[in-house]
Protein backbone atom coordinates (compact mmCIF):
# COMPACT_ATOMS: atom_id res chain seq x y z
CA MET A 1 18.34 -44.57 2.09
CA ASN A 2 16.83 -47.25 -0.17
CA LYS A 3 17.41 -47.63 -3.90
CA GLN A 4 14.25 -45.69 -4.89
CA HIS A 5 15.26 -42.70 -2.81
CA ARG A 6 18.82 -42.79 -4.16
CA GLU A 7 17.51 -42.78 -7.73
CA LEU A 8 15.14 -39.91 -6.93
CA GLU A 9 17.95 -37.88 -5.35
CA ALA A 10 20.06 -38.48 -8.48
CA LEU A 11 17.22 -37.13 -10.64
CA ARG A 12 16.88 -34.07 -8.42
CA SER A 13 20.62 -33.50 -8.63
CA ASP A 14 20.54 -33.77 -12.42
CA ALA A 15 17.68 -31.27 -12.61
CA GLY A 16 19.71 -28.75 -10.63
CA GLU A 17 22.77 -29.31 -12.80
CA ILE A 18 20.74 -28.82 -15.99
CA PHE A 19 19.25 -25.59 -14.61
CA ARG A 20 22.66 -24.24 -13.66
CA GLY A 21 23.85 -25.00 -17.19
CA CYS A 22 21.10 -22.72 -18.49
CA LEU A 23 22.37 -19.83 -16.40
CA VAL A 24 25.89 -20.17 -17.77
CA ALA A 25 24.58 -20.09 -21.34
CA VAL A 26 22.72 -16.80 -20.84
CA ASN A 27 25.47 -15.01 -18.92
CA PRO A 28 24.89 -11.34 -19.89
CA TYR A 29 28.59 -10.41 -19.87
CA LYS A 30 29.43 -13.19 -22.32
CA ALA A 31 26.37 -12.38 -24.45
CA VAL A 32 27.58 -8.80 -24.97
CA LYS A 33 31.18 -9.91 -25.57
CA ARG A 34 29.96 -12.32 -28.27
CA PHE A 35 28.00 -9.55 -29.99
CA VAL A 36 30.18 -6.42 -29.76
CA HIS A 37 33.56 -6.30 -31.51
CA LEU A 38 36.10 -3.65 -32.48
CA LYS A 39 37.79 -3.84 -35.87
CA GLY A 40 40.23 -0.95 -36.14
CA GLU A 41 38.15 2.24 -35.93
CA SER A 42 34.92 0.38 -36.63
CA LEU A 43 32.37 -1.00 -34.19
CA MET A 44 30.97 -4.33 -35.40
CA LEU A 45 27.67 -5.59 -34.01
CA GLY A 46 26.52 -9.17 -34.56
CA MET A 47 27.12 -12.82 -33.74
CA GLU A 48 30.22 -14.49 -35.12
CA GLY A 49 29.42 -16.07 -38.47
CA GLY A 50 26.18 -14.10 -38.84
CA PRO A 51 25.29 -10.72 -40.34
CA GLU A 52 27.07 -7.74 -38.81
CA THR A 53 26.30 -4.02 -38.61
CA GLY A 54 29.24 -1.63 -38.67
CA LEU A 55 29.67 1.89 -37.27
CA ASP A 56 32.60 4.22 -37.94
CA LEU A 57 33.74 5.33 -34.48
CA THR A 58 35.71 8.30 -35.83
CA GLY A 59 32.40 10.14 -36.26
CA PHE A 60 31.76 10.30 -32.51
CA ASP A 61 33.16 12.62 -29.84
CA ARG A 62 31.75 10.85 -26.79
CA ILE A 63 30.60 7.37 -25.71
CA LEU A 64 27.92 7.25 -23.00
CA ILE A 65 26.15 4.39 -21.22
CA VAL A 66 22.58 4.11 -19.92
CA GLY A 67 20.43 1.13 -19.00
CA ALA A 68 18.28 -0.73 -16.53
CA GLY A 69 17.45 -4.29 -15.53
CA LYS A 70 18.36 -7.26 -13.41
CA ALA A 71 21.10 -8.37 -15.83
CA THR A 72 22.41 -4.94 -16.77
CA ALA A 73 25.48 -4.74 -14.51
CA PRO A 74 27.47 -7.50 -16.28
CA MET A 75 26.34 -6.13 -19.66
CA VAL A 76 27.79 -2.73 -18.71
CA ARG A 77 31.00 -4.34 -17.47
CA ALA A 78 31.49 -5.92 -20.89
CA ILE A 79 31.08 -2.56 -22.67
CA GLU A 80 33.43 -0.87 -20.20
CA GLU A 81 36.08 -3.53 -20.87
CA ILE A 82 35.71 -3.12 -24.65
CA PHE A 83 35.88 0.70 -24.72
CA GLY A 84 37.72 1.59 -21.51
CA LYS A 85 38.53 5.28 -21.07
CA LYS A 86 36.73 6.20 -24.29
CA ILE A 87 33.55 6.12 -22.19
CA GLN A 88 32.84 9.55 -20.72
CA LYS A 89 29.90 8.78 -18.44
CA GLY A 90 27.19 6.27 -17.63
CA VAL A 91 24.13 5.84 -15.40
CA VAL A 92 22.15 2.61 -14.91
CA ASN A 93 19.30 1.51 -12.62
CA LEU A 94 19.60 -1.98 -11.11
CA LYS A 95 17.42 -4.05 -8.81
CA TYR A 96 18.65 -4.08 -5.21
CA GLY A 97 21.34 -6.74 -4.88
CA PHE A 98 21.82 -7.25 -8.64
CA THR A 99 24.95 -5.15 -8.78
CA GLU A 100 28.69 -5.44 -9.22
CA GLU A 101 31.67 -3.11 -9.28
CA LEU A 102 31.91 -0.98 -12.43
CA ALA A 103 34.82 1.25 -13.44
CA ILE A 104 32.98 4.26 -14.87
CA THR A 105 29.22 3.86 -14.84
CA GLU A 106 27.18 5.09 -11.89
CA ILE A 107 24.91 2.44 -10.38
CA ILE A 108 21.58 3.31 -8.76
CA GLU A 109 19.87 0.43 -6.98
CA ALA A 110 16.08 0.61 -7.07
CA GLY A 111 12.81 -1.25 -6.49
CA HIS A 112 11.40 -4.14 -8.54
CA PRO A 113 8.71 -5.25 -9.39
CA VAL A 114 7.10 -2.25 -7.72
CA PRO A 115 9.00 0.98 -8.57
CA ASP A 116 10.35 3.24 -5.82
CA GLU A 117 11.89 6.69 -5.28
CA ASN A 118 15.40 5.48 -6.11
CA GLY A 119 14.16 4.30 -9.49
CA LEU A 120 12.61 7.71 -10.06
CA LYS A 121 15.84 9.54 -9.18
CA GLY A 122 17.93 7.25 -11.34
CA THR A 123 15.59 7.60 -14.31
CA ALA A 124 15.76 11.39 -13.99
CA LYS A 125 19.57 11.17 -14.18
CA ILE A 126 19.37 8.92 -17.24
CA LEU A 127 16.95 11.28 -19.00
CA ASP A 128 19.21 14.25 -18.20
CA LEU A 129 22.16 12.41 -19.76
CA LEU A 130 20.13 11.54 -22.87
CA GLN A 131 18.70 15.04 -23.29
CA GLY A 132 22.22 16.49 -23.11
CA ALA A 133 23.49 14.21 -25.90
CA GLY A 134 24.07 15.43 -29.44
CA GLU A 135 24.73 14.24 -32.97
CA LYS A 136 28.37 13.39 -32.20
CA ASP A 137 27.51 11.11 -29.27
CA LEU A 138 27.31 7.31 -29.31
CA ILE A 139 25.12 5.92 -26.53
CA PHE A 140 25.10 2.29 -25.46
CA SER A 141 21.83 1.22 -23.84
CA LEU A 142 22.01 -2.04 -21.87
CA ILE A 143 18.50 -3.30 -21.20
CA SER A 144 17.32 -6.47 -19.48
CA GLY A 145 14.30 -7.89 -17.71
CA GLY A 146 13.07 -5.77 -14.85
CA GLY A 147 14.01 -2.60 -16.69
CA SER A 148 10.42 -1.43 -16.94
CA ALA A 149 9.87 -1.22 -13.18
CA LEU A 150 13.36 0.22 -12.77
CA LEU A 151 12.71 3.12 -15.16
CA PRO A 152 9.74 4.83 -13.52
CA TYR A 153 9.17 8.44 -14.53
CA PRO A 154 5.49 9.33 -14.34
CA VAL A 155 4.02 11.61 -16.98
CA GLY A 156 1.90 14.70 -16.29
CA ASN A 157 0.26 14.83 -12.87
CA ILE A 158 0.64 11.11 -12.14
CA LEU A 159 2.46 10.34 -8.89
CA LEU A 160 4.94 7.53 -8.31
CA SER A 161 2.62 6.16 -5.60
CA GLU A 162 -0.16 5.95 -8.20
CA LYS A 163 2.13 4.04 -10.57
CA GLN A 164 2.92 1.70 -7.68
CA ASP A 165 -0.79 1.15 -7.04
CA ILE A 166 -1.59 0.31 -10.67
CA THR A 167 1.47 -1.98 -10.93
CA ARG A 168 0.33 -3.96 -7.87
CA ALA A 169 -3.20 -4.22 -9.23
CA LEU A 170 -2.00 -5.49 -12.61
CA LEU A 171 0.33 -8.04 -10.99
CA ALA A 172 -2.44 -9.31 -8.73
CA CYS A 173 -5.11 -9.70 -11.43
CA GLY A 174 -2.96 -11.96 -13.64
CA ALA A 175 -2.29 -9.47 -16.45
CA SER A 176 0.43 -10.57 -18.88
CA ILE A 177 3.77 -8.76 -19.05
CA ASN A 178 2.72 -7.39 -22.46
CA GLU A 179 -0.39 -5.87 -20.91
CA ILE A 180 1.42 -4.53 -17.86
CA ASN A 181 4.05 -2.89 -20.04
CA ALA A 182 1.45 -1.36 -22.39
CA VAL A 183 0.00 0.43 -19.36
CA ARG A 184 3.44 1.45 -18.07
CA LYS A 185 4.39 2.98 -21.43
CA HIS A 186 1.38 5.26 -21.44
CA ILE A 187 1.74 6.62 -17.92
CA SER A 188 5.50 7.18 -18.20
CA SER A 189 7.95 9.61 -19.82
CA SER A 190 10.71 7.01 -20.14
CA LYS A 191 9.15 4.02 -21.91
CA GLY A 192 7.65 3.09 -25.26
CA GLY A 193 10.35 4.75 -27.37
CA GLN A 194 10.37 7.94 -25.34
CA MET A 195 14.06 7.63 -24.41
CA ALA A 196 14.85 7.58 -28.14
CA ARG A 197 12.92 10.84 -28.38
CA ALA A 198 14.93 12.29 -25.48
CA ALA A 199 18.30 11.26 -26.98
CA PHE A 200 17.66 12.33 -30.59
CA PRO A 201 19.82 13.05 -32.65
CA ALA A 202 22.46 10.94 -30.86
CA THR A 203 23.22 7.43 -32.16
CA ILE A 204 21.91 4.64 -29.92
CA VAL A 205 23.10 1.04 -29.78
CA ASN A 206 20.43 -0.68 -27.69
CA LEU A 207 21.45 -4.18 -26.57
CA MET A 208 18.71 -6.23 -24.92
CA LEU A 209 18.58 -9.46 -22.97
CA SER A 210 15.05 -10.69 -23.63
CA ASP A 211 12.74 -11.73 -20.80
CA VAL A 212 9.50 -11.68 -22.81
CA VAL A 213 7.69 -14.36 -24.77
CA GLY A 214 8.45 -14.10 -28.47
CA ASP A 215 11.33 -11.65 -27.84
CA LYS A 216 9.15 -8.64 -28.73
CA MET A 217 11.53 -5.70 -28.57
CA ASP A 218 8.85 -3.17 -27.69
CA VAL A 219 7.86 -5.24 -24.65
CA ILE A 220 11.37 -5.84 -23.22
CA ALA A 221 11.60 -3.31 -20.34
CA SER A 222 8.69 -1.52 -22.07
CA GLY A 223 10.94 -0.65 -25.02
CA PRO A 224 12.55 2.67 -23.96
CA PHE A 225 14.32 2.92 -27.36
CA VAL A 226 11.86 0.88 -29.45
CA PRO A 227 8.80 2.04 -31.44
CA ASP A 228 5.65 1.38 -29.45
CA SER A 229 2.93 -0.73 -31.05
CA SER A 230 0.43 -0.23 -28.20
CA THR A 231 -1.99 2.67 -27.81
CA PHE A 232 -3.99 4.55 -25.19
CA ARG A 233 -7.07 2.68 -26.41
CA ASP A 234 -5.27 -0.62 -25.73
CA VAL A 235 -4.71 0.54 -22.15
CA GLN A 236 -8.41 1.28 -21.75
CA GLY A 237 -9.12 -2.23 -23.03
CA ILE A 238 -6.77 -3.75 -20.44
CA PHE A 239 -8.47 -1.85 -17.61
CA ALA A 240 -11.85 -3.11 -18.84
CA LYS A 241 -10.67 -6.70 -19.40
CA TYR A 242 -9.63 -7.12 -15.78
CA ASP A 243 -12.39 -4.89 -14.40
CA LEU A 244 -9.82 -2.99 -12.37
CA LYS A 245 -11.28 -1.00 -9.50
CA GLY A 246 -9.82 2.04 -7.83
CA ILE A 247 -7.61 3.17 -10.71
CA PRO A 248 -6.09 6.50 -9.58
CA ALA A 249 -7.98 9.45 -11.08
CA ALA A 250 -4.83 11.00 -12.57
CA ILE A 251 -4.10 7.78 -14.49
CA ASN A 252 -7.67 7.42 -15.73
CA GLU A 253 -7.77 11.04 -16.86
CA HIS A 254 -4.41 10.81 -18.64
CA VAL A 255 -5.33 7.60 -20.47
CA LYS A 256 -8.73 9.00 -21.49
CA ALA A 257 -7.13 12.21 -22.79
CA GLY A 258 -4.70 10.10 -24.85
CA ALA A 259 -7.47 7.91 -26.24
CA ASP A 260 -9.40 11.05 -27.19
CA GLY A 261 -6.39 12.43 -29.08
CA LYS A 262 -5.72 15.26 -26.66
CA ILE A 263 -2.28 13.92 -25.68
CA PRO A 264 0.35 12.72 -28.21
CA GLU A 265 0.81 8.97 -28.54
CA THR A 266 4.09 7.23 -27.75
CA PRO A 267 6.42 7.35 -30.80
CA LYS A 268 5.61 4.80 -33.52
CA ALA A 269 7.77 3.06 -36.14
CA ASN A 270 7.70 5.88 -38.67
CA ASP A 271 8.96 8.49 -36.20
CA ALA A 272 12.27 10.15 -37.15
CA VAL A 273 13.61 9.70 -33.59
CA PHE A 274 14.37 6.06 -34.48
CA ASP A 275 16.48 6.90 -37.56
CA ARG A 276 19.69 6.60 -35.52
CA VAL A 277 18.66 3.81 -33.15
CA LEU A 278 20.02 0.26 -33.58
CA ASN A 279 18.12 -2.37 -31.57
CA PHE A 280 19.52 -5.86 -30.98
CA ILE A 281 18.66 -8.88 -28.82
CA VAL A 282 21.86 -10.51 -27.50
CA GLY A 283 20.30 -13.25 -25.35
CA SER A 284 16.93 -14.97 -24.92
CA ASN A 285 15.02 -17.86 -23.38
CA ILE A 286 15.59 -20.21 -26.30
CA LEU A 287 19.36 -20.04 -25.72
CA ALA A 288 18.77 -21.21 -22.15
CA LEU A 289 16.56 -24.06 -23.34
CA GLU A 290 19.12 -25.17 -25.93
CA ALA A 291 21.75 -25.22 -23.17
CA ALA A 292 19.40 -27.31 -21.01
CA LYS A 293 18.96 -29.73 -23.88
CA ALA A 294 22.71 -30.07 -24.37
CA LYS A 295 23.37 -30.62 -20.65
CA ALA A 296 20.54 -33.16 -20.34
CA ARG A 297 21.87 -35.14 -23.29
CA GLU A 298 25.32 -35.03 -21.74
CA LEU A 299 23.80 -36.60 -18.62
CA GLY A 300 22.19 -39.36 -20.69
CA TYR A 301 18.59 -38.16 -21.14
CA GLU A 302 16.43 -38.24 -24.23
CA THR A 303 15.31 -34.64 -24.60
CA ILE A 304 12.68 -32.48 -26.25
CA ILE A 305 12.07 -28.73 -26.10
CA LEU A 306 8.34 -28.06 -26.02
CA SER A 307 8.46 -24.28 -26.51
CA SER A 308 10.15 -21.10 -25.31
CA MET A 309 6.81 -19.28 -25.55
CA VAL A 310 4.66 -20.97 -22.92
CA GLU A 311 2.14 -18.61 -21.33
CA GLY A 312 -1.11 -19.02 -19.41
CA GLU A 313 -2.34 -19.60 -15.88
CA THR A 314 0.47 -21.26 -13.93
CA ARG A 315 -1.57 -24.09 -12.39
CA GLU A 316 -3.02 -25.11 -15.75
CA VAL A 317 0.40 -25.08 -17.41
CA ALA A 318 1.75 -27.23 -14.58
CA LEU A 319 -0.91 -29.88 -15.22
CA VAL A 320 0.04 -30.01 -18.91
CA HIS A 321 3.62 -30.78 -17.91
CA THR A 322 2.66 -33.46 -15.39
CA ALA A 323 0.37 -35.02 -18.00
CA ILE A 324 3.41 -35.44 -20.25
CA ALA A 325 5.29 -37.05 -17.35
CA LYS A 326 2.43 -39.50 -16.86
CA GLU A 327 2.43 -40.36 -20.57
CA ILE A 328 6.17 -41.05 -20.53
CA VAL A 329 5.80 -43.31 -17.48
CA LYS A 330 2.90 -45.23 -19.06
CA THR A 331 3.76 -45.40 -22.79
CA GLY A 332 7.24 -43.95 -23.31
CA ARG A 333 5.81 -41.15 -25.46
CA PRO A 334 6.70 -38.61 -26.76
CA ILE A 335 10.20 -39.80 -25.82
CA PRO A 336 11.30 -42.86 -23.83
CA PRO A 337 12.89 -42.62 -20.38
CA PRO A 338 15.32 -41.51 -19.16
CA ALA A 339 13.63 -38.39 -20.49
CA CYS A 340 13.95 -34.65 -20.01
CA ILE A 341 11.10 -32.42 -21.15
CA ILE A 342 12.06 -28.74 -21.38
CA SER A 343 9.97 -25.61 -21.70
CA GLY A 344 10.35 -21.88 -21.21
CA GLY A 345 8.38 -18.68 -21.24
CA GLU A 346 6.48 -16.93 -18.49
CA THR A 347 3.19 -17.93 -16.89
CA THR A 348 0.89 -15.81 -14.73
CA VAL A 349 -0.65 -16.27 -11.30
CA THR A 350 -4.04 -14.86 -10.41
CA ILE A 351 -3.56 -14.05 -6.73
CA LYS A 352 -6.52 -14.93 -4.51
CA GLY A 353 -4.77 -15.82 -1.26
CA GLU A 354 -2.48 -13.96 1.10
CA GLY A 355 0.54 -16.24 1.06
CA LEU A 356 4.07 -15.86 -0.27
CA GLY A 357 5.44 -17.28 -3.50
CA GLY A 358 5.94 -16.72 -7.20
CA ARG A 359 4.84 -18.29 -10.46
CA ASN A 360 7.57 -20.97 -10.39
CA GLN A 361 6.81 -22.06 -6.84
CA GLU A 362 3.09 -22.05 -7.66
CA PHE A 363 3.89 -24.23 -10.70
CA GLY A 364 5.88 -26.59 -8.49
CA LEU A 365 3.13 -26.96 -5.88
CA ALA A 366 0.43 -27.57 -8.51
CA ALA A 367 2.71 -30.15 -10.15
CA ALA A 368 3.50 -31.84 -6.84
CA LEU A 369 -0.21 -32.40 -6.13
CA ASP A 370 -0.57 -34.12 -9.50
CA LEU A 371 2.51 -36.34 -9.06
CA VAL A 372 1.46 -38.16 -5.88
CA ASP A 373 0.30 -41.34 -7.65
CA LEU A 374 3.36 -41.66 -9.88
CA PRO A 375 6.32 -43.91 -9.14
CA PRO A 376 9.29 -42.13 -7.49
CA ARG A 377 11.17 -41.57 -10.72
CA VAL A 378 9.70 -38.21 -11.75
CA VAL A 379 11.12 -34.80 -10.86
CA VAL A 380 9.78 -31.39 -11.90
CA LEU A 381 11.82 -28.19 -11.65
CA SER A 382 10.54 -24.70 -12.38
CA GLY A 383 12.90 -21.78 -11.94
CA GLY A 384 13.28 -18.13 -12.82
CA THR A 385 16.61 -17.49 -14.50
CA ASP A 386 17.00 -14.27 -12.49
CA GLY A 387 17.10 -16.20 -9.21
CA ASN A 388 14.12 -14.35 -7.70
CA ASP A 389 10.67 -15.90 -8.10
CA GLY A 390 8.15 -13.20 -7.33
CA PRO A 391 8.86 -11.30 -4.09
CA THR A 392 10.96 -14.15 -2.63
CA ASP A 393 14.61 -15.13 -2.32
CA ALA A 394 13.99 -18.44 -4.12
CA ALA A 395 14.34 -19.04 -7.87
CA GLY A 396 11.53 -21.61 -7.82
CA ALA A 397 11.08 -25.19 -6.67
CA VAL A 398 12.08 -28.81 -7.36
CA VAL A 399 9.36 -31.37 -6.61
CA ASP A 400 8.79 -35.11 -6.81
CA PRO A 401 6.05 -37.68 -5.95
CA PHE A 402 6.99 -37.51 -2.23
CA THR A 403 6.76 -33.71 -1.91
CA VAL A 404 3.11 -33.68 -0.79
CA MET A 405 3.83 -36.46 1.72
CA ARG A 406 6.77 -34.51 3.17
CA GLY A 407 4.41 -31.60 3.66
CA ARG A 408 1.83 -33.80 5.35
CA ASP A 409 4.51 -35.17 7.69
CA ALA A 410 5.23 -31.55 8.66
CA GLY A 411 1.53 -30.93 9.36
CA MET A 412 0.74 -29.15 6.09
CA GLU A 413 -1.87 -29.84 3.41
CA ALA A 414 -0.49 -28.89 -0.01
CA ALA A 415 -3.88 -28.02 -1.51
CA ARG A 416 -4.60 -25.46 1.21
CA PHE A 417 -1.23 -23.79 0.70
CA LEU A 418 -1.85 -23.67 -3.05
CA GLU A 419 -5.23 -22.03 -2.56
CA ASP A 420 -3.59 -19.38 -0.37
CA ASN A 421 -0.83 -18.79 -2.95
CA ASP A 422 1.62 -19.77 -0.20
CA ALA A 423 3.96 -22.16 -1.97
CA TYR A 424 7.08 -20.57 -0.44
CA HIS A 425 6.21 -21.49 3.13
CA PHE A 426 5.20 -25.00 2.09
CA PHE A 427 8.47 -25.63 0.24
CA GLU A 428 10.49 -23.98 3.00
CA LYS A 429 9.39 -26.84 5.27
CA THR A 430 9.69 -29.62 2.68
CA LYS A 431 13.16 -28.41 1.59
CA ASP A 432 12.06 -28.17 -2.04
CA LEU A 433 12.94 -24.52 -2.70
CA LEU A 434 15.30 -23.87 -5.60
CA MET A 435 17.86 -21.39 -4.24
CA THR A 436 20.44 -19.74 -6.51
CA GLY A 437 20.72 -16.19 -5.18
CA PRO A 438 20.69 -13.29 -7.65
CA THR A 439 22.05 -14.63 -10.94
CA ASN A 440 22.52 -11.26 -12.72
CA THR A 441 20.73 -12.64 -15.75
CA ASN A 442 17.06 -12.71 -16.74
CA VAL A 443 15.55 -14.60 -19.68
CA MET A 444 12.23 -15.66 -18.14
CA ASP A 445 11.65 -19.16 -16.72
CA VAL A 446 12.92 -22.66 -17.39
CA ARG A 447 10.88 -25.77 -16.57
CA LEU A 448 12.23 -29.31 -16.54
CA VAL A 449 10.37 -32.61 -16.27
CA LEU A 450 12.72 -35.55 -15.66
CA VAL A 451 11.54 -39.17 -15.84
CA GLY A 452 14.02 -41.85 -14.89
């Protein structure tokens, strides 16, 4: 291996180390332990050194647990360790494989991103637990990314299969998570504040690990305990925007009835059901990016965080990042090398091909095509903090100026694979997949551009 290749391998190694540092920083178990404290008979909620909210625990007869999401299991474990045998019962829905042993709480593994029957059964159990709660009950809700798909409970005559169909259509057309969740809220009995309605008048402490741009509480897992700012008319606008065809009749009829005022809206901010609900975000994408910055500096890089709120079409966002890499190589701006450019958020992919991949692998392949003329001292990593990029077992990809050449040596043309949305099979051959396994956390994506 010559000097150039050794330096490139060192950059790739550093990128992986920086990404792993992000995951440690947004560990859900530690996030809850930092936020939830007992002080005598009082429950204190808040970060150390910041404002705290207190609850007198002597006013409650029972403590219950509900929740859903990819990162929910370690969040529940933290609450179980804090309260022990004071917890009477719990039920949570988790994505298949994102589980761990819990002492009290029942775990139901279910489908994500497309909901399945297990999710339906688990949500029914959660709603039963909430509806049986009273004024003397304290309920901890542990919510994380993926919770929306994991809490499917269709409203009215809508079937689970019809929810699955509309979810697939929205994912394929490039709808944002905000738009997808607005639709989900209005064809469900469990989202958009409706769990708060089911649990009233119990007291709810809803702890959320944010996987949405801007940390909008009503969008995280479709806000089961949060006032809903979206409406039936918004849903109609989303259907029209993407010119969705073949929307199931039951969904169309339900949404139209809601828009016409014949069906009650999801509960809004002034609804009394939220009087005893406390909503908090205990972890988010910006914490991951700050950890990336700290680790990169530790490794000797000049660093800059672009934004934790990057959205847009994946391929276009990738070209913005490679343009910054080119500028650093040519002029040393906005920061001189060795440099680490960091961004977060969640992009979208408009699926036109029939391949396999996710938004981070698509980002990587688009970036790789734009890096071919650069010297071998640039590395780009894009990874999902949950460890699963789209419907694959990879978190994302790590690419460099030789990635396209490695593909060509294996008989593959990168541009054709990109057009077929088949980044996974391309990177499987070039050995550029970022593999972490399920991380049990989820705060959207982290992207790194390293220039040596």
